[in-house]
C-alpha cells in the first residue's frame, strides 16, 4: 500500500516515510506511526505523520 489514503494509515502501524530533509534523495525512514498530521482523506505525496521517535514525514509505504 502506498500511504496516500488516510483510512489506510492508523496509529501503531509500521511505515516507511520520507522526511522533509530527504525529499530530494528519496531516502526512506522506517518507524511506527504516533499521530496523523494530514486532515484530508487523500494526499498525492502521502499522508503526513509523526513517528513514535518524533520525526515527521510523509508515508511512502505501509510495511
PDB file of N, CA and C in Angstrom:
ATOM      1  N   UNK A   1       0.845  -1.189   0.000  1.00  0.00           N
ATOM      2  CA  UNK A   1       0.000   0.000   0.000  1.00  0.00           C
ATOM      3  C   UNK A   1       0.884   1.244   0.000  1.00  0.00           C
ATOM      4  N   UNK A   2       0.350   2.298  -0.588  1.00  0.00           N
ATOM      5  CA  UNK A   2       1.172   3.473  -0.841  1.00  0.00           C
ATOM      6  C   UNK A   2       1.173   4.501   0.286  1.00  0.00           C
ATOM      7  N   UNK A   3       0.124   4.543   1.113  1.00  0.00           N
ATOM      8  CA  UNK A   3       0.076   5.539   2.165  1.00  0.00           C
ATOM      9  C   UNK A   3      -0.516   6.866   1.748  1.00  0.00           C
ATOM     10  N   UNK A   4      -1.220   6.883   0.612  1.00  0.00           N
ATOM     11  CA  UNK A   4      -1.855   8.121   0.141  1.00  0.00           C
ATOM     12  C   UNK A   4      -3.257   8.292   0.702  1.00  0.00           C
ATOM     13  N   UNK A   5      -3.884   7.208   1.148  1.00  0.00           N
ATOM     14  CA  UNK A   5      -5.230   7.270   1.719  1.00  0.00           C
ATOM     15  C   UNK A   5      -5.153   7.276   3.244  1.00  0.00           C
ATOM     16  N   UNK A   6      -5.813   8.259   3.857  1.00  0.00           N
ATOM     17  CA  UNK A   6      -5.765   8.409   5.308  1.00  0.00           C
ATOM     18  C   UNK A   6      -6.367   7.192   6.020  1.00  0.00           C
ATOM     19  N   UNK A   7      -7.374   6.561   5.398  1.00  0.00           N
ATOM     20  CA  UNK A   7      -8.034   5.409   6.004  1.00  0.00           C
ATOM     21  C   UNK A   7      -7.072   4.226   6.178  1.00  0.00           C
ATOM     22  N   UNK A   8      -6.035   4.146   5.350  1.00  0.00           N
ATOM     23  CA  UNK A   8      -5.075   3.037   5.421  1.00  0.00           C
ATOM     24  C   UNK A   8      -4.020   3.236   6.508  1.00  0.00           C
ATOM     25  N   UNK A   9      -3.862   4.481   6.974  1.00  0.00           N
ATOM     26  CA  UNK A   9      -2.799   4.808   7.932  1.00  0.00           C
ATOM     27  C   UNK A   9      -3.418   5.025   9.304  1.00  0.00           C
ATOM     28  N   UNK A  10      -3.032   4.188  10.266  1.00  0.00           N
ATOM     29  CA  UNK A  10      -3.559   4.319  11.623  1.00  0.00           C
ATOM     30  C   UNK A  10      -2.403   4.312  12.619  1.00  0.00           C
ATOM     31  N   UNK A  11      -2.572   4.941  13.769  1.00  0.00           N
ATOM     32  CA  UNK A  11      -1.515   4.916  14.792  1.00  0.00           C
ATOM     33  C   UNK A  11      -1.172   3.481  15.187  1.00  0.00           C
ATOM     34  N   UNK A  12       0.119   3.219  15.337  1.00  0.00           N
ATOM     35  CA  UNK A  12       0.577   1.904  15.758  1.00  0.00           C
ATOM     36  C   UNK A  12       1.070   1.009  14.636  1.00  0.00           C
ATOM     37  N   UNK A  13       0.842   1.384  13.370  1.00  0.00           N
ATOM     38  CA  UNK A  13       1.329   0.541  12.272  1.00  0.00           C
ATOM     39  C   UNK A  13       2.735   0.962  11.876  1.00  0.00           C
ATOM     40  N   UNK A  14       3.474   0.010  11.304  1.00  0.00           N
ATOM     41  CA  UNK A  14       4.845   0.289  10.858  1.00  0.00           C
ATOM     42  C   UNK A  14       4.813   0.788   9.422  1.00  0.00           C
ATOM     43  N   UNK A  15       5.518   1.898   9.179  1.00  0.00           N
ATOM     44  CA  UNK A  15       5.514   2.526   7.857  1.00  0.00           C
ATOM     45  C   UNK A  15       6.925   2.951   7.476  1.00  0.00           C
ATOM     46  N   UNK A  16       7.099   3.239   6.193  1.00  0.00           N
ATOM     47  CA  UNK A  16       8.310   3.891   5.698  1.00  0.00           C
ATOM     48  C   UNK A  16       7.896   5.291   5.280  1.00  0.00           C
ATOM     49  N   UNK A  17       8.621   6.296   5.776  1.00  0.00           N
ATOM     50  CA  UNK A  17       8.309   7.686   5.450  1.00  0.00           C
ATOM     51  C   UNK A  17       9.512   8.337   4.783  1.00  0.00           C
ATOM     52  N   UNK A  18       9.246   9.419   4.061  1.00  0.00           N
ATOM     53  CA  UNK A  18      10.310  10.266   3.529  1.00  0.00           C
ATOM     54  C   UNK A  18      10.275  11.560   4.314  1.00  0.00           C
ATOM     55  N   UNK A  19      11.350  11.847   5.032  1.00  0.00           N
ATOM     56  CA  UNK A  19      11.444  13.065   5.821  1.00  0.00           C
ATOM     57  C   UNK A  19      11.653  14.258   4.903  1.00  0.00           C
ATOM     58  N   UNK A  20      11.334  15.462   5.393  1.00  0.00           N
ATOM     59  CA  UNK A  20      11.486  16.685   4.600  1.00  0.00           C
ATOM     60  C   UNK A  20      12.924  16.824   4.077  1.00  0.00           C
ATOM     61  N   UNK A  21      13.904  16.555   4.938  1.00  0.00           N
ATOM     62  CA  UNK A  21      15.308  16.704   4.549  1.00  0.00           C
ATOM     63  C   UNK A  21      15.741  15.670   3.510  1.00  0.00           C
ATOM     64  N   UNK A  22      14.972  14.586   3.368  1.00  0.00           N
ATOM     65  CA  UNK A  22      15.325  13.513   2.437  1.00  0.00           C
ATOM     66  C   UNK A  22      14.481  13.525   1.161  1.00  0.00           C
ATOM     67  N   UNK A  23      13.680  14.582   0.940  1.00  0.00           N
ATOM     68  CA  UNK A  23      12.782  14.585  -0.213  1.00  0.00           C
ATOM     69  C   UNK A  23      13.544  14.535  -1.539  1.00  0.00           C
ATOM     70  N   UNK A  24      14.668  15.202  -1.635  1.00  0.00           N
ATOM     71  CA  UNK A  24      15.434  15.182  -2.887  1.00  0.00           C
ATOM     72  C   UNK A  24      16.068  13.820  -3.136  1.00  0.00           C
ATOM     73  N   UNK A  25      16.637  13.213  -2.098  1.00  0.00           N
ATOM     74  CA  UNK A  25      17.329  11.937  -2.266  1.00  0.00           C
ATOM     75  C   UNK A  25      16.370  10.749  -2.248  1.00  0.00           C
ATOM     76  N   UNK A  26      15.214  10.902  -1.601  1.00  0.00           N
ATOM     77  CA  UNK A  26      14.243   9.810  -1.535  1.00  0.00           C
ATOM     78  C   UNK A  26      14.578   8.750  -0.511  1.00  0.00           C
ATOM     79  N   UNK A  27      15.464   9.074   0.442  1.00  0.00           N
ATOM     80  CA  UNK A  27      15.837   8.117   1.487  1.00  0.00           C
ATOM     81  C   UNK A  27      14.634   7.855   2.384  1.00  0.00           C
ATOM     82  N   UNK A  28      14.331   6.563   2.609  1.00  0.00           N
ATOM     83  CA  UNK A  28      13.184   6.185   3.427  1.00  0.00           C
ATOM     84  C   UNK A  28      13.623   5.940   4.862  1.00  0.00           C
ATOM     85  N   UNK A  29      12.750   6.325   5.806  1.00  0.00           N
ATOM     86  CA  UNK A  29      12.976   6.081   7.219  1.00  0.00           C
ATOM     87  C   UNK A  29      11.820   5.242   7.742  1.00  0.00           C
ATOM     88  N   UNK A  30      12.135   4.133   8.428  1.00  0.00           N
ATOM     89  CA  UNK A  30      11.080   3.272   8.961  1.00  0.00           C
ATOM     90  C   UNK A  30      10.759   3.652  10.392  1.00  0.00           C
ATOM     91  N   UNK A  31       9.492   3.485  10.752  1.00  0.00           N
ATOM     92  CA  UNK A  31       9.071   3.775  12.113  1.00  0.00           C
ATOM     93  C   UNK A  31       7.627   3.399  12.331  1.00  0.00           C
ATOM     94  N   UNK A  32       7.156   3.647  13.559  1.00  0.00           N
ATOM     95  CA  UNK A  32       5.778   3.346  13.941  1.00  0.00           C
ATOM     96  C   UNK A  32       5.017   4.653  14.076  1.00  0.00           C
ATOM     97  N   UNK A  33       3.820   4.720  13.491  1.00  0.00           N
ATOM     98  CA  UNK A  33       3.015   5.935  13.480  1.00  0.00           C
ATOM     99  C   UNK A  33       2.517   6.260  14.891  1.00  0.00           C
ATOM    100  N   UNK A  34       2.723   7.513  15.295  1.00  0.00           N
ATOM    101  CA  UNK A  34       2.184   8.006  16.564  1.00  0.00           C
ATOM    102  C   UNK A  34       0.964   8.880  16.322  1.00  0.00           C
ATOM    103  N   UNK A  35       1.095   9.881  15.423  1.00  0.00           N
ATOM    104  CA  UNK A  35      -0.005  10.806  15.118  1.00  0.00           C
ATOM    105  C   UNK A  35      -0.129  10.981  13.616  1.00  0.00           C
ATOM    106  N   UNK A  36      -1.365  11.206  13.162  1.00  0.00           N
ATOM    107  CA  UNK A  36      -1.621  11.588  11.771  1.00  0.00           C
ATOM    108  C   UNK A  36      -1.734  13.101  11.726  1.00  0.00           C
ATOM    109  N   UNK A  37      -0.973  13.731  10.830  1.00  0.00           N
ATOM    110  CA  UNK A  37      -0.948  15.185  10.757  1.00  0.00           C
ATOM    111  C   UNK A  37      -1.735  15.732   9.565  1.00  0.00           C
ATOM    112  N   UNK A  38      -2.025  14.890   8.579  1.00  0.00           N
ATOM    113  CA  UNK A  38      -2.813  15.312   7.425  1.00  0.00           C
ATOM    114  C   UNK A  38      -4.287  15.092   7.729  1.00  0.00           C
ATOM    115  N   UNK A  39      -5.102  16.136   7.513  1.00  0.00           N
ATOM    116  CA  UNK A  39      -6.529  16.027   7.797  1.00  0.00           C
ATOM    117  C   UNK A  39      -7.352  15.521   6.616  1.00  0.00           C
ATOM    118  N   UNK A  40      -6.866  15.741   5.384  1.00  0.00           N
ATOM    119  CA  UNK A  40      -7.641  15.317   4.212  1.00  0.00           C
ATOM    120  C   UNK A  40      -7.592  13.791   4.068  1.00  0.00           C
ATOM    121  N   UNK A  41      -8.596  13.241   3.374  1.00  0.00           N
ATOM    122  CA  UNK A  41      -8.689  11.785   3.241  1.00  0.00           C
ATOM    123  C   UNK A  41      -7.683  11.214   2.247  1.00  0.00           C
ATOM    124  N   UNK A  42      -7.127  12.079   1.374  1.00  0.00           N
ATOM    125  CA  UNK A  42      -6.166  11.633   0.363  1.00  0.00           C
ATOM    126  C   UNK A  42      -5.124  12.723   0.151  1.00  0.00           C
ATOM    127  N   UNK A  43      -3.866  12.325  -0.018  1.00  0.00           N
ATOM    128  CA  UNK A  43      -2.818  13.278  -0.380  1.00  0.00           C
ATOM    129  C   UNK A  43      -1.896  12.598  -1.388  1.00  0.00           C
ATOM    130  N   UNK A  44      -1.651  13.230  -2.552  1.00  0.00           N
ATOM    131  CA  UNK A  44      -0.868  12.577  -3.607  1.00  0.00           C
ATOM    132  C   UNK A  44       0.575  12.258  -3.222  1.00  0.00           C
ATOM    133  N   UNK A  45       1.163  12.995  -2.279  1.00  0.00           N
ATOM    134  CA  UNK A  45       2.547  12.727  -1.869  1.00  0.00           C
ATOM    135  C   UNK A  45       2.634  11.863  -0.623  1.00  0.00           C
ATOM    136  N   UNK A  46       1.493  11.441  -0.089  1.00  0.00           N
ATOM    137  CA  UNK A  46       1.475  10.600   1.105  1.00  0.00           C
ATOM    138  C   UNK A  46       0.949  11.362   2.310  1.00  0.00           C
ATOM    139  N   UNK A  47       0.343  10.632   3.226  1.00  0.00           N
ATOM    140  CA  UNK A  47      -0.206  11.215   4.453  1.00  0.00           C
ATOM    141  C   UNK A  47       0.956  11.596   5.370  1.00  0.00           C
ATOM    142  N   UNK A  48       0.925  12.815   5.900  1.00  0.00           N
ATOM    143  CA  UNK A  48       1.991  13.266   6.802  1.00  0.00           C
ATOM    144  C   UNK A  48       1.720  12.723   8.200  1.00  0.00           C
ATOM    145  N   UNK A  49       2.746  12.118   8.802  1.00  0.00           N
ATOM    146  CA  UNK A  49       2.613  11.505  10.129  1.00  0.00           C
ATOM    147  C   UNK A  49       3.790  11.891  11.020  1.00  0.00           C
ATOM    148  N   UNK A  50       3.576  11.754  12.323  1.00  0.00           N
ATOM    149  CA  UNK A  50       4.661  11.861  13.298  1.00  0.00           C
ATOM    150  C   UNK A  50       4.931  10.442  13.787  1.00  0.00           C
ATOM    151  N   UNK A  51       6.198  10.043  13.730  1.00  0.00           N
ATOM    152  CA  UNK A  51       6.583   8.718  14.213  1.00  0.00           C
ATOM    153  C   UNK A  51       6.763   8.751  15.722  1.00  0.00           C
ATOM    154  N   UNK A  52       6.842   7.572  16.339  1.00  0.00           N
ATOM    155  CA  UNK A  52       6.986   7.493  17.792  1.00  0.00           C
ATOM    156  C   UNK A  52       8.277   8.127  18.297  1.00  0.00           C
ATOM    157  N   UNK A  53       9.301   8.216  17.427  1.00  0.00           N
ATOM    158  CA  UNK A  53      10.563   8.857  17.833  1.00  0.00           C
ATOM    159  C   UNK A  53      10.544  10.364  17.601  1.00  0.00           C
ATOM    160  N   UNK A  54       9.398  10.912  17.127  1.00  0.00           N
ATOM    161  CA  UNK A  54       9.252  12.351  16.973  1.00  0.00           C
ATOM    162  C   UNK A  54       9.511  12.887  15.581  1.00  0.00           C
ATOM    163  N   UNK A  55      10.030  12.063  14.681  1.00  0.00           N
ATOM    164  CA  UNK A  55      10.304  12.519  13.317  1.00  0.00           C
ATOM    165  C   UNK A  55       8.991  12.659  12.539  1.00  0.00           C
ATOM    166  N   UNK A  56       8.948  13.641  11.628  1.00  0.00           N
ATOM    167  CA  UNK A  56       7.753  13.903  10.820  1.00  0.00           C
ATOM    168  C   UNK A  56       8.088  13.692   9.349  1.00  0.00           C
ATOM    169  N   UNK A  57       7.210  12.962   8.654  1.00  0.00           N
ATOM    170  CA  UNK A  57       7.416  12.734   7.228  1.00  0.00           C
ATOM    171  C   UNK A  57       6.155  12.250   6.571  1.00  0.00           C
ATOM    172  N   UNK A  58       6.231  12.061   5.268  1.00  0.00           N
ATOM    173  CA  UNK A  58       5.082  11.573   4.501  1.00  0.00           C
ATOM    174  C   UNK A  58       5.228  10.077   4.225  1.00  0.00           C
ATOM    175  N   UNK A  59       4.144   9.354   4.461  1.00  0.00           N
ATOM    176  CA  UNK A  59       4.157   7.898   4.276  1.00  0.00           C
ATOM    177  C   UNK A  59       4.305   7.570   2.802  1.00  0.00           C
ATOM    178  N   UNK A  60       5.340   6.787   2.475  1.00  0.00           N
ATOM    179  CA  UNK A  60       5.531   6.339   1.098  1.00  0.00           C
ATOM    180  C   UNK A  60       5.199   4.856   0.960  1.00  0.00           C
ATOM    181  N   UNK A  61       5.168   4.129   2.089  1.00  0.00           N
ATOM    182  CA  UNK A  61       4.915   2.689   2.040  1.00  0.00           C
ATOM    183  C   UNK A  61       4.438   2.220   3.409  1.00  0.00           C
ATOM    184  N   UNK A  62       3.443   1.333   3.393  1.00  0.00           N
ATOM    185  CA  UNK A  62       2.969   0.703   4.633  1.00  0.00           C
ATOM    186  C   UNK A  62       3.602  -0.678   4.687  1.00  0.00           C
ATOM    187  N   UNK A  63       4.291  -0.953   5.783  1.00  0.00           N
ATOM    188  CA  UNK A  63       5.053  -2.214   5.897  1.00  0.00           C
ATOM    189  C   UNK A  63       4.259  -3.300   6.610  1.00  0.00           C
TER     190      UNK A  63
END
